[in-house]
């Protein structure tokens, strides 16, 4: 049973567990337990509780797409009218080469990240997207900073830091 998020409060131990999972999603419960001076069942219960409360939603592998031949990484800005979003969302969800799609502010309403083996494949996607609106495509030459975890911080930590300043 999922607890009401208003009632569910993560503590410093939960935060440390989250940080360890963010740094390495394959870390064993035993390793987490040892680092937190806890039993493995206690850690497993905390992880299950965070999963049940959607604090932990998925576990990922960091795959080098270029090593698999996906050398064209693109960011596509797309202007989608609000009334077209109900048709757009199912469309974009079905495209396997789309890594991520975000609703954004600015001149465009969507930012789509995709990876393809050849520019012609990307061109096909952009042509398909243009039925929803205006596009602007940028191709990445390199990625100096890969996806990385950010420090897991609680609102109470931020308040505490401000009080100590």
N, C-alpha and C. Protein backbone atom coordinates (compact mmCIF):
# COMPACT_ATOMS: atom_id res chain seq x y z
N UNK A 1 0.84 -1.19 0.00
CA UNK A 1 0.00 0.00 0.00
C UNK A 1 0.88 1.24 0.00
N UNK A 2 0.60 2.16 -0.89
CA UNK A 2 1.38 3.38 -1.01
C UNK A 2 0.97 4.37 0.07
N UNK A 3 1.96 4.88 0.77
CA UNK A 3 1.68 5.90 1.79
C UNK A 3 1.42 7.23 1.12
N UNK A 4 0.69 8.08 1.78
CA UNK A 4 0.49 9.44 1.30
C UNK A 4 1.83 10.15 1.36
N UNK A 5 2.27 10.73 0.22
CA UNK A 5 3.58 11.38 0.18
C UNK A 5 3.69 12.50 1.22
N UNK A 6 2.54 13.09 1.58
CA UNK A 6 2.58 14.13 2.61
C UNK A 6 3.01 13.52 3.94
N UNK A 7 2.67 12.24 4.17
CA UNK A 7 3.04 11.56 5.40
C UNK A 7 4.40 10.89 5.30
N UNK A 8 4.81 10.52 4.10
CA UNK A 8 6.07 9.81 3.91
C UNK A 8 7.22 10.80 3.88
N UNK A 9 8.12 10.68 4.81
CA UNK A 9 9.27 11.57 4.90
C UNK A 9 10.53 10.73 4.78
N UNK A 10 11.40 11.09 3.84
CA UNK A 10 12.66 10.37 3.77
C UNK A 10 13.63 10.98 4.77
N UNK A 11 14.44 10.13 5.34
CA UNK A 11 15.40 10.60 6.32
C UNK A 11 16.81 10.51 5.73
N UNK A 12 17.81 10.79 6.54
CA UNK A 12 19.19 10.80 6.05
C UNK A 12 19.63 9.42 5.60
N UNK A 13 19.12 8.37 6.23
CA UNK A 13 19.46 7.01 5.81
C UNK A 13 18.86 6.72 4.44
N UNK A 14 17.60 7.08 4.24
CA UNK A 14 16.98 6.92 2.92
C UNK A 14 17.78 7.68 1.87
N UNK A 15 18.17 8.89 2.21
CA UNK A 15 18.93 9.73 1.28
C UNK A 15 20.25 9.05 0.91
N UNK A 16 20.92 8.48 1.90
CA UNK A 16 22.19 7.81 1.62
C UNK A 16 21.97 6.58 0.74
N UNK A 17 20.89 5.85 1.00
CA UNK A 17 20.54 4.70 0.16
C UNK A 17 20.25 5.16 -1.27
N UNK A 18 19.47 6.22 -1.41
CA UNK A 18 19.17 6.76 -2.74
C UNK A 18 20.44 7.18 -3.47
N UNK A 19 21.35 7.84 -2.76
CA UNK A 19 22.59 8.29 -3.39
C UNK A 19 23.42 7.09 -3.85
N UNK A 20 23.47 6.05 -3.04
CA UNK A 20 24.22 4.86 -3.41
C UNK A 20 23.61 4.19 -4.64
N UNK A 21 22.28 4.13 -4.71
CA UNK A 21 21.61 3.55 -5.87
C UNK A 21 21.77 4.44 -7.10
N UNK A 22 21.77 5.74 -6.90
CA UNK A 22 21.97 6.67 -8.02
C UNK A 22 23.38 6.51 -8.59
N UNK A 23 24.35 6.32 -7.70
CA UNK A 23 25.74 6.15 -8.15
C UNK A 23 25.95 4.81 -8.84
N UNK A 24 25.24 3.77 -8.38
CA UNK A 24 25.40 2.43 -8.93
C UNK A 24 24.12 1.64 -8.68
N UNK A 25 23.27 1.56 -9.68
CA UNK A 25 21.98 0.88 -9.53
C UNK A 25 22.12 -0.62 -9.29
N UNK A 26 23.31 -1.17 -9.55
CA UNK A 26 23.52 -2.60 -9.36
C UNK A 26 24.15 -2.93 -8.01
N UNK A 27 24.33 -1.94 -7.17
CA UNK A 27 24.92 -2.20 -5.86
C UNK A 27 24.02 -3.17 -5.09
N UNK A 28 24.63 -4.07 -4.35
CA UNK A 28 23.84 -5.06 -3.63
C UNK A 28 23.25 -4.47 -2.36
N UNK A 29 22.14 -5.06 -1.94
CA UNK A 29 21.51 -4.65 -0.69
C UNK A 29 22.50 -4.86 0.46
N UNK A 30 23.27 -5.92 0.37
CA UNK A 30 24.26 -6.21 1.41
C UNK A 30 25.29 -5.08 1.53
N UNK A 31 25.79 -4.57 0.38
CA UNK A 31 26.75 -3.47 0.41
C UNK A 31 26.13 -2.20 0.99
N UNK A 32 24.89 -1.93 0.62
CA UNK A 32 24.20 -0.76 1.17
C UNK A 32 24.02 -0.92 2.67
N UNK A 33 23.64 -2.12 3.09
CA UNK A 33 23.43 -2.38 4.52
C UNK A 33 24.72 -2.17 5.31
N UNK A 34 25.83 -2.70 4.79
CA UNK A 34 27.12 -2.54 5.48
C UNK A 34 27.52 -1.08 5.59
N UNK A 35 27.31 -0.31 4.53
CA UNK A 35 27.69 1.10 4.53
C UNK A 35 26.84 1.92 5.49
N UNK A 36 25.63 1.43 5.79
CA UNK A 36 24.70 2.16 6.66
C UNK A 36 24.55 1.51 8.03
N UNK A 37 25.37 0.50 8.31
CA UNK A 37 25.33 -0.21 9.60
C UNK A 37 23.93 -0.72 9.90
N UNK A 38 23.33 -1.36 8.89
CA UNK A 38 21.97 -1.89 9.01
C UNK A 38 21.96 -3.34 8.56
N UNK A 39 20.85 -4.01 8.80
CA UNK A 39 20.67 -5.36 8.29
C UNK A 39 20.18 -5.28 6.84
N UNK A 40 20.45 -6.32 6.09
CA UNK A 40 19.97 -6.36 4.70
C UNK A 40 18.45 -6.30 4.61
N UNK A 41 17.70 -7.02 5.47
CA UNK A 41 16.24 -6.91 5.39
C UNK A 41 15.73 -5.48 5.67
N UNK A 42 16.39 -4.77 6.58
CA UNK A 42 15.97 -3.39 6.87
C UNK A 42 16.18 -2.50 5.65
N UNK A 43 17.31 -2.68 4.97
CA UNK A 43 17.58 -1.89 3.76
C UNK A 43 16.58 -2.27 2.66
N UNK A 44 16.35 -3.55 2.48
CA UNK A 44 15.40 -4.01 1.46
C UNK A 44 14.01 -3.42 1.71
N UNK A 45 13.60 -3.37 2.98
CA UNK A 45 12.30 -2.78 3.32
C UNK A 45 12.26 -1.30 2.97
N UNK A 46 13.33 -0.58 3.26
CA UNK A 46 13.38 0.85 2.93
C UNK A 46 13.30 1.05 1.41
N UNK A 47 14.02 0.24 0.67
CA UNK A 47 14.01 0.35 -0.80
C UNK A 47 12.61 0.05 -1.33
N UNK A 48 11.98 -1.01 -0.83
CA UNK A 48 10.60 -1.34 -1.26
C UNK A 48 9.65 -0.19 -0.96
N UNK A 49 9.80 0.44 0.21
CA UNK A 49 8.94 1.55 0.60
C UNK A 49 9.16 2.75 -0.34
N UNK A 50 10.42 3.02 -0.69
CA UNK A 50 10.68 4.13 -1.61
C UNK A 50 10.16 3.82 -3.01
N UNK A 51 10.22 2.56 -3.43
CA UNK A 51 9.65 2.17 -4.73
C UNK A 51 8.13 2.31 -4.69
N UNK A 52 7.51 1.86 -3.61
CA UNK A 52 6.04 1.94 -3.49
C UNK A 52 5.55 3.38 -3.49
N UNK A 53 6.38 4.30 -3.02
CA UNK A 53 6.02 5.72 -2.98
C UNK A 53 6.55 6.49 -4.18
N UNK A 54 7.00 5.77 -5.20
CA UNK A 54 7.51 6.35 -6.46
C UNK A 54 8.69 7.28 -6.28
N UNK A 55 9.41 7.14 -5.19
CA UNK A 55 10.66 7.87 -5.03
C UNK A 55 11.71 7.23 -5.94
N UNK A 56 11.69 5.90 -6.00
CA UNK A 56 12.51 5.14 -6.95
C UNK A 56 11.53 4.62 -7.99
N UNK A 57 11.69 5.07 -9.23
CA UNK A 57 10.74 4.68 -10.27
C UNK A 57 11.30 3.61 -11.20
N UNK A 58 12.60 3.68 -11.51
CA UNK A 58 13.21 2.75 -12.46
C UNK A 58 14.68 2.55 -12.09
N UNK A 59 15.25 1.52 -12.65
CA UNK A 59 16.69 1.28 -12.56
C UNK A 59 17.20 1.24 -14.00
N UNK A 60 18.34 1.89 -14.26
CA UNK A 60 18.84 2.02 -15.62
C UNK A 60 20.25 1.49 -15.77
N UNK A 61 20.56 1.14 -17.01
CA UNK A 61 21.94 0.86 -17.39
C UNK A 61 22.40 2.05 -18.23
N UNK A 62 23.62 2.46 -18.05
CA UNK A 62 24.20 3.56 -18.84
C UNK A 62 24.90 2.93 -20.03
N UNK A 63 24.24 2.90 -21.16
CA UNK A 63 24.73 2.23 -22.36
C UNK A 63 25.38 3.24 -23.29
N UNK A 64 26.51 2.88 -23.84
CA UNK A 64 27.20 3.72 -24.82
C UNK A 64 26.56 3.43 -26.19
N UNK A 65 25.59 4.25 -26.57
CA UNK A 65 24.88 4.03 -27.83
C UNK A 65 25.81 4.11 -29.04
N UNK A 66 26.82 4.95 -28.99
CA UNK A 66 27.72 5.07 -30.14
C UNK A 66 28.48 3.77 -30.38
N UNK A 67 28.78 3.02 -29.32
CA UNK A 67 29.46 1.73 -29.47
C UNK A 67 28.57 0.72 -30.19
N UNK A 68 27.27 0.98 -30.18
CA UNK A 68 26.32 0.11 -30.89
C UNK A 68 25.98 0.67 -32.26
N UNK A 69 26.69 1.72 -32.68
CA UNK A 69 26.48 2.28 -34.01
C UNK A 69 25.54 3.46 -34.08
N UNK A 70 24.98 3.88 -32.93
CA UNK A 70 24.08 5.04 -32.91
C UNK A 70 24.93 6.29 -32.73
N UNK A 71 25.51 6.77 -33.81
CA UNK A 71 26.49 7.86 -33.74
C UNK A 71 25.88 9.24 -33.98
N UNK A 72 24.62 9.30 -34.38
CA UNK A 72 23.94 10.57 -34.62
C UNK A 72 23.02 10.83 -33.43
N UNK A 73 23.48 11.70 -32.50
CA UNK A 73 22.66 12.08 -31.36
C UNK A 73 22.11 13.47 -31.63
N UNK A 74 20.79 13.59 -31.56
CA UNK A 74 20.15 14.85 -31.93
C UNK A 74 19.20 15.33 -30.85
N UNK A 75 19.06 16.65 -30.80
CA UNK A 75 18.08 17.31 -29.95
C UNK A 75 17.14 18.06 -30.88
N UNK A 76 15.87 17.71 -30.82
CA UNK A 76 14.89 18.27 -31.74
C UNK A 76 13.91 19.11 -30.93
N UNK A 77 13.84 20.39 -31.26
CA UNK A 77 12.83 21.27 -30.68
C UNK A 77 11.60 21.17 -31.56
N UNK A 78 10.44 21.04 -30.94
CA UNK A 78 9.20 20.90 -31.68
C UNK A 78 8.13 21.78 -31.07
N UNK A 79 7.44 22.51 -31.92
CA UNK A 79 6.34 23.35 -31.47
C UNK A 79 5.04 22.55 -31.66
N UNK A 80 4.44 22.14 -30.56
CA UNK A 80 3.20 21.36 -30.60
C UNK A 80 2.10 22.20 -29.96
N UNK A 81 1.00 22.34 -30.67
CA UNK A 81 -0.15 23.07 -30.11
C UNK A 81 -0.76 22.23 -28.99
N UNK A 82 -1.27 22.88 -27.95
CA UNK A 82 -1.87 22.13 -26.83
C UNK A 82 -2.93 21.12 -27.28
N UNK A 83 -3.72 21.49 -28.26
CA UNK A 83 -4.79 20.59 -28.71
C UNK A 83 -4.25 19.37 -29.46
N UNK A 84 -2.97 19.40 -29.89
CA UNK A 84 -2.38 18.27 -30.61
C UNK A 84 -1.59 17.33 -29.70
N UNK A 85 -1.43 17.69 -28.44
CA UNK A 85 -0.62 16.87 -27.53
C UNK A 85 -1.20 15.48 -27.32
N UNK A 86 -2.52 15.35 -27.29
CA UNK A 86 -3.14 14.04 -27.07
C UNK A 86 -2.81 13.07 -28.22
N UNK A 87 -2.57 13.59 -29.40
CA UNK A 87 -2.15 12.76 -30.54
C UNK A 87 -0.63 12.60 -30.56
N UNK A 88 0.09 13.64 -30.16
CA UNK A 88 1.55 13.62 -30.20
C UNK A 88 2.16 12.64 -29.21
N UNK A 89 1.68 12.63 -27.96
CA UNK A 89 2.29 11.79 -26.92
C UNK A 89 2.32 10.31 -27.31
N UNK A 90 1.21 9.72 -27.75
CA UNK A 90 1.27 8.30 -28.16
C UNK A 90 2.20 8.09 -29.37
N UNK A 91 2.23 9.07 -30.28
CA UNK A 91 3.10 8.96 -31.45
C UNK A 91 4.57 8.90 -31.04
N UNK A 92 5.01 9.84 -30.22
CA UNK A 92 6.43 9.93 -29.86
C UNK A 92 6.85 8.76 -28.97
N UNK A 93 5.92 8.27 -28.17
CA UNK A 93 6.21 7.15 -27.27
C UNK A 93 6.54 5.88 -28.03
N UNK A 94 6.00 5.74 -29.22
CA UNK A 94 6.21 4.52 -30.02
C UNK A 94 7.53 4.53 -30.80
N UNK A 95 8.24 5.63 -30.82
CA UNK A 95 9.47 5.71 -31.62
C UNK A 95 10.64 5.23 -30.76
N UNK A 96 11.21 4.06 -31.09
CA UNK A 96 12.23 3.47 -30.24
C UNK A 96 13.53 4.27 -30.13
N UNK A 97 13.84 5.08 -31.10
CA UNK A 97 15.09 5.85 -31.08
C UNK A 97 14.99 7.12 -30.26
N UNK A 98 13.81 7.44 -29.78
CA UNK A 98 13.65 8.61 -28.91
C UNK A 98 14.08 8.22 -27.51
N UNK A 99 15.10 8.90 -27.00
CA UNK A 99 15.64 8.62 -25.68
C UNK A 99 14.83 9.34 -24.61
N UNK A 100 14.43 10.57 -24.92
CA UNK A 100 13.70 11.37 -23.94
C UNK A 100 12.90 12.44 -24.66
N UNK A 101 11.78 12.81 -24.08
CA UNK A 101 10.95 13.90 -24.60
C UNK A 101 10.47 14.72 -23.42
N UNK A 102 10.78 16.01 -23.43
CA UNK A 102 10.40 16.90 -22.34
C UNK A 102 9.53 18.03 -22.85
N UNK A 103 8.53 18.42 -22.05
CA UNK A 103 7.78 19.66 -22.30
C UNK A 103 8.65 20.79 -21.76
N UNK A 104 8.87 21.82 -22.57
CA UNK A 104 9.77 22.90 -22.18
C UNK A 104 9.13 24.27 -22.42
N UNK A 105 9.75 25.29 -21.84
CA UNK A 105 9.31 26.66 -22.08
C UNK A 105 10.09 27.24 -23.25
N UNK A 106 9.64 28.35 -23.75
CA UNK A 106 10.36 29.03 -24.82
C UNK A 106 9.61 28.99 -26.13
N UNK A 107 10.34 29.12 -27.22
CA UNK A 107 9.73 29.16 -28.55
C UNK A 107 9.14 27.82 -28.98
N UNK A 108 9.63 26.75 -28.41
CA UNK A 108 9.15 25.41 -28.73
C UNK A 108 8.56 24.79 -27.48
N UNK A 109 7.66 23.83 -27.66
CA UNK A 109 7.02 23.23 -26.49
C UNK A 109 7.59 21.88 -26.12
N UNK A 110 8.33 21.23 -27.01
CA UNK A 110 8.91 19.92 -26.76
C UNK A 110 10.40 19.93 -27.08
N UNK A 111 11.16 19.19 -26.28
CA UNK A 111 12.57 18.95 -26.57
C UNK A 111 12.74 17.44 -26.60
N UNK A 112 13.13 16.94 -27.75
CA UNK A 112 13.23 15.50 -27.97
C UNK A 112 14.69 15.14 -28.18
N UNK A 113 15.17 14.13 -27.45
CA UNK A 113 16.51 13.62 -27.66
C UNK A 113 16.38 12.27 -28.34
N UNK A 114 17.13 12.07 -29.43
CA UNK A 114 17.06 10.83 -30.19
C UNK A 114 18.44 10.42 -30.64
N UNK A 115 18.60 9.14 -30.92
CA UNK A 115 19.88 8.62 -31.43
C UNK A 115 19.60 7.71 -32.62
N UNK A 116 20.40 7.91 -33.67
CA UNK A 116 20.26 7.13 -34.90
C UNK A 116 21.62 6.72 -35.42
N UNK A 117 21.61 5.72 -36.28
CA UNK A 117 22.86 5.25 -36.91
C UNK A 117 23.26 6.14 -38.08
N UNK A 118 22.25 6.66 -38.79
CA UNK A 118 22.54 7.44 -40.00
C UNK A 118 21.72 8.72 -40.01
N UNK A 119 22.25 9.79 -40.58
CA UNK A 119 21.49 11.05 -40.65
C UNK A 119 20.16 10.91 -41.38
N UNK A 120 20.09 10.02 -42.35
CA UNK A 120 18.85 9.83 -43.11
C UNK A 120 17.71 9.34 -42.21
N UNK A 121 18.06 8.53 -41.22
CA UNK A 121 17.05 8.04 -40.28
C UNK A 121 16.51 9.19 -39.42
N UNK A 122 17.40 10.05 -38.99
CA UNK A 122 17.00 11.24 -38.24
C UNK A 122 16.13 12.13 -39.10
N UNK A 123 16.51 12.31 -40.36
CA UNK A 123 15.74 13.13 -41.28
C UNK A 123 14.31 12.60 -41.41
N UNK A 124 14.16 11.29 -41.44
CA UNK A 124 12.82 10.69 -41.52
C UNK A 124 11.99 11.06 -40.28
N UNK A 125 12.60 10.97 -39.10
CA UNK A 125 11.88 11.34 -37.88
C UNK A 125 11.46 12.81 -37.92
N UNK A 126 12.39 13.68 -38.28
CA UNK A 126 12.07 15.12 -38.33
C UNK A 126 10.92 15.38 -39.30
N UNK A 127 10.94 14.74 -40.43
CA UNK A 127 9.84 14.89 -41.39
C UNK A 127 8.51 14.44 -40.78
N UNK A 128 8.53 13.34 -40.03
CA UNK A 128 7.31 12.86 -39.36
C UNK A 128 6.83 13.85 -38.30
N UNK A 129 7.78 14.43 -37.57
CA UNK A 129 7.42 15.37 -36.51
C UNK A 129 6.81 16.66 -37.04
N UNK A 130 7.18 17.03 -38.24
CA UNK A 130 6.70 18.30 -38.79
C UNK A 130 5.20 18.33 -39.02
N UNK A 131 4.54 17.17 -38.97
CA UNK A 131 3.07 17.19 -39.05
C UNK A 131 2.46 17.77 -37.77
N UNK A 132 3.27 17.81 -36.68
CA UNK A 132 2.79 18.38 -35.42
C UNK A 132 3.16 19.85 -35.27
N UNK A 133 4.14 20.32 -36.04
CA UNK A 133 4.53 21.72 -35.93
C UNK A 133 5.96 21.96 -36.38
N UNK A 134 6.39 23.17 -36.17
CA UNK A 134 7.71 23.64 -36.57
C UNK A 134 8.80 22.93 -35.75
N UNK A 135 9.92 22.60 -36.41
CA UNK A 135 11.03 21.93 -35.72
C UNK A 135 12.32 22.72 -35.88
N UNK A 136 13.24 22.45 -34.96
CA UNK A 136 14.61 22.95 -35.04
C UNK A 136 15.48 21.82 -34.49
N UNK A 137 16.41 21.33 -35.29
CA UNK A 137 17.21 20.17 -34.91
C UNK A 137 18.66 20.55 -34.71
N UNK A 138 19.24 20.04 -33.64
CA UNK A 138 20.66 20.22 -33.36
C UNK A 138 21.29 18.86 -33.18
N UNK A 139 22.45 18.64 -33.81
CA UNK A 139 23.16 17.37 -33.69
C UNK A 139 24.36 17.59 -32.79
N UNK A 140 24.55 16.67 -31.84
CA UNK A 140 25.66 16.77 -30.89
C UNK A 140 26.94 16.26 -31.55
N UNK A 141 28.02 17.04 -31.43
CA UNK A 141 29.33 16.61 -31.91
C UNK A 141 30.02 15.73 -30.88
N UNK A 142 29.87 16.10 -29.61
CA UNK A 142 30.48 15.33 -28.52
C UNK A 142 29.69 15.59 -27.24
N UNK A 143 29.98 14.80 -26.23
CA UNK A 143 29.29 14.94 -24.94
C UNK A 143 30.35 15.00 -23.85
N UNK A 144 30.83 16.21 -23.51
CA UNK A 144 31.88 16.32 -22.50
C UNK A 144 31.45 15.91 -21.10
N UNK A 145 30.16 16.02 -20.80
CA UNK A 145 29.64 15.57 -19.50
C UNK A 145 28.49 14.62 -19.79
N UNK A 146 28.69 13.35 -19.46
CA UNK A 146 27.65 12.33 -19.65
C UNK A 146 26.59 12.49 -18.58
N UNK A 147 25.49 11.73 -18.74
CA UNK A 147 24.47 11.68 -17.69
C UNK A 147 25.17 11.29 -16.40
N UNK A 148 24.88 12.03 -15.35
CA UNK A 148 25.51 11.74 -14.07
C UNK A 148 24.53 11.99 -12.95
N UNK A 149 24.75 11.31 -11.84
CA UNK A 149 23.85 11.54 -10.71
C UNK A 149 24.10 12.90 -10.07
N UNK A 150 23.06 13.48 -9.53
CA UNK A 150 23.21 14.71 -8.77
C UNK A 150 23.10 14.37 -7.30
N UNK A 151 23.62 15.19 -6.41
CA UNK A 151 23.51 14.88 -4.99
C UNK A 151 22.05 14.82 -4.56
N UNK A 152 21.72 13.78 -3.82
CA UNK A 152 20.37 13.62 -3.31
C UNK A 152 20.27 14.46 -2.06
N UNK A 153 19.45 15.50 -2.12
CA UNK A 153 19.30 16.41 -0.99
C UNK A 153 17.84 16.56 -0.64
N UNK A 154 17.60 16.76 0.60
CA UNK A 154 16.25 16.99 1.10
C UNK A 154 16.02 18.48 1.28
N UNK A 155 14.77 18.89 1.25
CA UNK A 155 14.45 20.29 1.51
C UNK A 155 14.96 20.70 2.88
N UNK A 156 14.87 19.79 3.86
CA UNK A 156 15.34 20.10 5.22
C UNK A 156 16.85 20.32 5.24
N UNK A 157 17.60 19.63 4.35
CA UNK A 157 19.05 19.85 4.26
C UNK A 157 19.34 21.26 3.77
N UNK A 158 18.56 21.71 2.79
CA UNK A 158 18.76 23.05 2.25
C UNK A 158 18.46 24.11 3.31
N UNK A 159 17.38 23.88 4.06
CA UNK A 159 17.03 24.81 5.14
C UNK A 159 18.12 24.84 6.19
N UNK A 160 18.66 23.66 6.52
CA UNK A 160 19.72 23.55 7.51
C UNK A 160 20.98 24.28 7.03
N UNK A 161 21.31 24.12 5.74
CA UNK A 161 22.48 24.83 5.18
C UNK A 161 22.31 26.33 5.26
N UNK A 162 21.07 26.82 4.99
CA UNK A 162 20.81 28.26 5.04
C UNK A 162 20.92 28.79 6.46
N UNK A 163 20.47 27.97 7.43
CA UNK A 163 20.56 28.39 8.83
C UNK A 163 22.02 28.46 9.29
N UNK A 164 22.86 27.60 8.76
CA UNK A 164 24.27 27.55 9.15
C UNK A 164 25.12 28.62 8.48
N UNK A 165 24.58 29.27 7.47
CA UNK A 165 25.34 30.31 6.75
C UNK A 165 25.35 31.62 7.50
